[in-house]
Amino acid sequence: MAQALRPNTAGGLFATDGKPHPLQDALLAVTLVLGITSFITAMFHHLHLLSSWTGLVGILVGAYGQWISVTTRERFGLILGLGASAVGFFLGMAHGGLFGGLFD
């Protein structure tokens, strides 16, 4: 039972298997940053270009991150980022889309 009290010092913050996952952690961080950016900028109509593009890229990066993720903690963070990216993307599309106002 002594091993139950030993702290897990190996691996990264989100690696529950004790191994480092630098690519997955980077994709998680990028997805969360893009999702938060897209979600916040979606609340402003005139920022629809930023919102829709960051949402689209966040969805694509998050989907790839889900595909190669290893642990449940990584998947949980990726789902949060994907959800925020999707909401921001759809609201950005509703407010003007990816190219709205550029070619008028």
C-alpha atoms as a PDB file:
ATOM      1  CA  MET A   1       0.000   0.000   0.000  1.00  0.00           C
ATOM      2  CA  ALA A   2       2.997   2.329   0.183  1.00  0.00           C
ATOM      3  CA  GLN A   3       2.859   2.880  -3.561  1.00  0.00           C
ATOM      4  CA  ALA A   4      -0.588   4.470  -3.209  1.00  0.00           C
ATOM      5  CA  LEU A   5       0.912   7.329  -1.206  1.00  0.00           C
ATOM      6  CA  ARG A   6       3.769   8.016  -3.605  1.00  0.00           C
ATOM      7  CA  PRO A   7       3.174  11.155  -5.732  1.00  0.00           C
ATOM      8  CA  ASN A   8       3.244  10.901  -9.500  1.00  0.00           C
ATOM      9  CA  THR A   9       6.168  13.077 -10.601  1.00  0.00           C
ATOM     10  CA  ALA A  10       6.675  11.630 -14.081  1.00  0.00           C
ATOM     11  CA  GLY A  11       5.009  13.056 -17.150  1.00  0.00           C
ATOM     12  CA  GLY A  12       3.194  16.290 -17.756  1.00  0.00           C
ATOM     13  CA  LEU A  13       0.224  17.951 -16.166  1.00  0.00           C
ATOM     14  CA  PHE A  14      -2.325  16.120 -18.325  1.00  0.00           C
ATOM     15  CA  ALA A  15      -0.469  12.801 -18.666  1.00  0.00           C
ATOM     16  CA  THR A  16      -2.191  10.364 -16.316  1.00  0.00           C
ATOM     17  CA  ASP A  17      -0.263   7.400 -17.692  1.00  0.00           C
ATOM     18  CA  GLY A  18       3.071   8.739 -16.420  1.00  0.00           C
ATOM     19  CA  LYS A  19       4.501   9.473 -19.861  1.00  0.00           C
ATOM     20  CA  PRO A  20       5.046  12.909 -21.385  1.00  0.00           C
ATOM     21  CA  HIS A  21       2.831  13.883 -24.340  1.00  0.00           C
ATOM     22  CA  PRO A  22       4.225  17.194 -25.628  1.00  0.00           C
ATOM     23  CA  LEU A  23       2.345  17.195 -28.957  1.00  0.00           C
ATOM     24  CA  GLN A  24      -0.992  16.402 -27.348  1.00  0.00           C
ATOM     25  CA  ASP A  25      -0.435  19.032 -24.647  1.00  0.00           C
ATOM     26  CA  ALA A  26       0.430  21.639 -27.290  1.00  0.00           C
ATOM     27  CA  LEU A  27      -2.684  20.797 -29.305  1.00  0.00           C
ATOM     28  CA  LEU A  28      -4.757  21.041 -26.133  1.00  0.00           C
ATOM     29  CA  ALA A  29      -3.360  24.485 -25.318  1.00  0.00           C
ATOM     30  CA  VAL A  30      -3.854  25.759 -28.883  1.00  0.00           C
ATOM     31  CA  THR A  31      -7.416  24.439 -29.007  1.00  0.00           C
ATOM     32  CA  LEU A  32      -8.294  26.074 -25.692  1.00  0.00           C
ATOM     33  CA  VAL A  33      -6.785  29.431 -26.701  1.00  0.00           C
ATOM     34  CA  LEU A  34      -8.547  29.395 -30.077  1.00  0.00           C
ATOM     35  CA  GLY A  35     -11.823  28.311 -28.470  1.00  0.00           C
ATOM     36  CA  ILE A  36     -11.746  31.046 -25.832  1.00  0.00           C
ATOM     37  CA  THR A  37     -10.800  33.657 -28.427  1.00  0.00           C
ATOM     38  CA  SER A  38     -13.543  32.552 -30.783  1.00  0.00           C
ATOM     39  CA  PHE A  39     -16.156  32.392 -28.033  1.00  0.00           C
ATOM     40  CA  ILE A  40     -15.372  35.841 -26.643  1.00  0.00           C
ATOM     41  CA  THR A  41     -15.108  37.586 -30.018  1.00  0.00           C
ATOM     42  CA  ALA A  42     -18.394  36.002 -31.141  1.00  0.00           C
ATOM     43  CA  MET A  43     -20.193  38.298 -28.704  1.00  0.00           C
ATOM     44  CA  PHE A  44     -19.274  41.313 -30.862  1.00  0.00           C
ATOM     45  CA  HIS A  45     -20.904  41.511 -34.310  1.00  0.00           C
ATOM     46  CA  HIS A  46     -18.098  43.476 -35.941  1.00  0.00           C
ATOM     47  CA  LEU A  47     -15.512  40.799 -34.998  1.00  0.00           C
ATOM     48  CA  HIS A  48     -17.180  38.044 -37.008  1.00  0.00           C
ATOM     49  CA  LEU A  49     -14.096  37.477 -39.182  1.00  0.00           C
ATOM     50  CA  LEU A  50     -11.876  36.786 -36.176  1.00  0.00           C
ATOM     51  CA  SER A  51     -14.546  34.717 -34.490  1.00  0.00           C
ATOM     52  CA  SER A  52     -15.351  32.533 -37.480  1.00  0.00           C
ATOM     53  CA  TRP A  53     -11.722  31.923 -38.501  1.00  0.00           C
ATOM     54  CA  THR A  54     -10.449  31.148 -35.004  1.00  0.00           C
ATOM     55  CA  GLY A  55     -13.459  28.905 -34.476  1.00  0.00           C
ATOM     56  CA  LEU A  56     -12.803  27.002 -37.696  1.00  0.00           C
ATOM     57  CA  VAL A  57      -9.105  26.531 -36.960  1.00  0.00           C
ATOM     58  CA  GLY A  58      -9.941  25.572 -33.357  1.00  0.00           C
ATOM     59  CA  ILE A  59     -12.359  22.916 -34.576  1.00  0.00           C
ATOM     60  CA  LEU A  60      -9.781  21.446 -36.951  1.00  0.00           C
ATOM     61  CA  VAL A  61      -6.924  21.492 -34.415  1.00  0.00           C
ATOM     62  CA  GLY A  62      -9.179  20.069 -31.703  1.00  0.00           C
ATOM     63  CA  ALA A  63     -10.408  17.287 -33.966  1.00  0.00           C
ATOM     64  CA  TYR A  64      -6.835  16.276 -34.762  1.00  0.00           C
ATOM     65  CA  GLY A  65      -5.990  16.476 -31.067  1.00  0.00           C
ATOM     66  CA  GLN A  66      -8.896  14.173 -30.267  1.00  0.00           C
ATOM     67  CA  TRP A  67      -7.699  11.741 -32.886  1.00  0.00           C
ATOM     68  CA  ILE A  68      -4.211  11.425 -31.394  1.00  0.00           C
ATOM     69  CA  SER A  69      -5.043  12.029 -27.701  1.00  0.00           C
ATOM     70  CA  VAL A  70      -3.949   9.401 -25.211  1.00  0.00           C
ATOM     71  CA  THR A  71      -5.451  10.233 -21.826  1.00  0.00           C
ATOM     72  CA  THR A  72      -8.900  11.189 -20.592  1.00  0.00           C
ATOM     73  CA  ARG A  73      -7.671  14.513 -19.211  1.00  0.00           C
ATOM     74  CA  GLU A  74      -6.436  15.543 -22.647  1.00  0.00           C
ATOM     75  CA  ARG A  75      -9.746  14.578 -24.208  1.00  0.00           C
ATOM     76  CA  PHE A  76     -11.692  16.522 -21.581  1.00  0.00           C
ATOM     77  CA  GLY A  77      -9.769  19.735 -22.262  1.00  0.00           C
ATOM     78  CA  LEU A  78     -10.037  19.217 -26.000  1.00  0.00           C
ATOM     79  CA  ILE A  79     -13.804  18.831 -25.767  1.00  0.00           C
ATOM     80  CA  LEU A  80     -14.043  22.119 -23.850  1.00  0.00           C
ATOM     81  CA  GLY A  81     -11.951  23.869 -26.504  1.00  0.00           C
ATOM     82  CA  LEU A  82     -13.903  22.251 -29.325  1.00  0.00           C
ATOM     83  CA  GLY A  83     -17.214  23.326 -27.823  1.00  0.00           C
ATOM     84  CA  ALA A  84     -16.091  26.923 -27.397  1.00  0.00           C
ATOM     85  CA  SER A  85     -14.642  26.938 -30.921  1.00  0.00           C
ATOM     86  CA  ALA A  86     -17.861  25.570 -32.378  1.00  0.00           C
ATOM     87  CA  VAL A  87     -20.046  28.125 -30.596  1.00  0.00           C
ATOM     88  CA  GLY A  88     -17.748  30.948 -31.696  1.00  0.00           C
ATOM     89  CA  PHE A  89     -17.611  29.624 -35.244  1.00  0.00           C
ATOM     90  CA  PHE A  90     -21.376  29.323 -35.602  1.00  0.00           C
ATOM     91  CA  LEU A  91     -22.053  32.742 -34.087  1.00  0.00           C
ATOM     92  CA  GLY A  92     -19.349  34.244 -36.303  1.00  0.00           C
ATOM     93  CA  MET A  93     -20.989  32.653 -39.329  1.00  0.00           C
ATOM     94  CA  ALA A  94     -24.356  34.041 -38.264  1.00  0.00           C
ATOM     95  CA  HIS A  95     -22.899  37.545 -37.895  1.00  0.00           C
ATOM     96  CA  GLY A  96     -21.248  37.674 -41.313  1.00  0.00           C
ATOM     97  CA  GLY A  97     -19.210  34.565 -41.992  1.00  0.00           C
ATOM     98  CA  LEU A  98     -15.662  33.893 -43.057  1.00  0.00           C
ATOM     99  CA  PHE A  99     -15.554  36.515 -45.811  1.00  0.00           C
ATOM    100  CA  GLY A 100     -18.502  38.758 -44.966  1.00  0.00           C
ATOM    101  CA  GLY A 101     -17.838  42.390 -45.833  1.00  0.00           C
ATOM    102  CA  LEU A 102     -14.479  41.789 -47.504  1.00  0.00           C
ATOM    103  CA  PHE A 103     -15.679  41.757 -51.093  1.00  0.00           C
ATOM    104  CA  ASP A 104     -18.380  44.442 -51.053  1.00  0.00           C
END
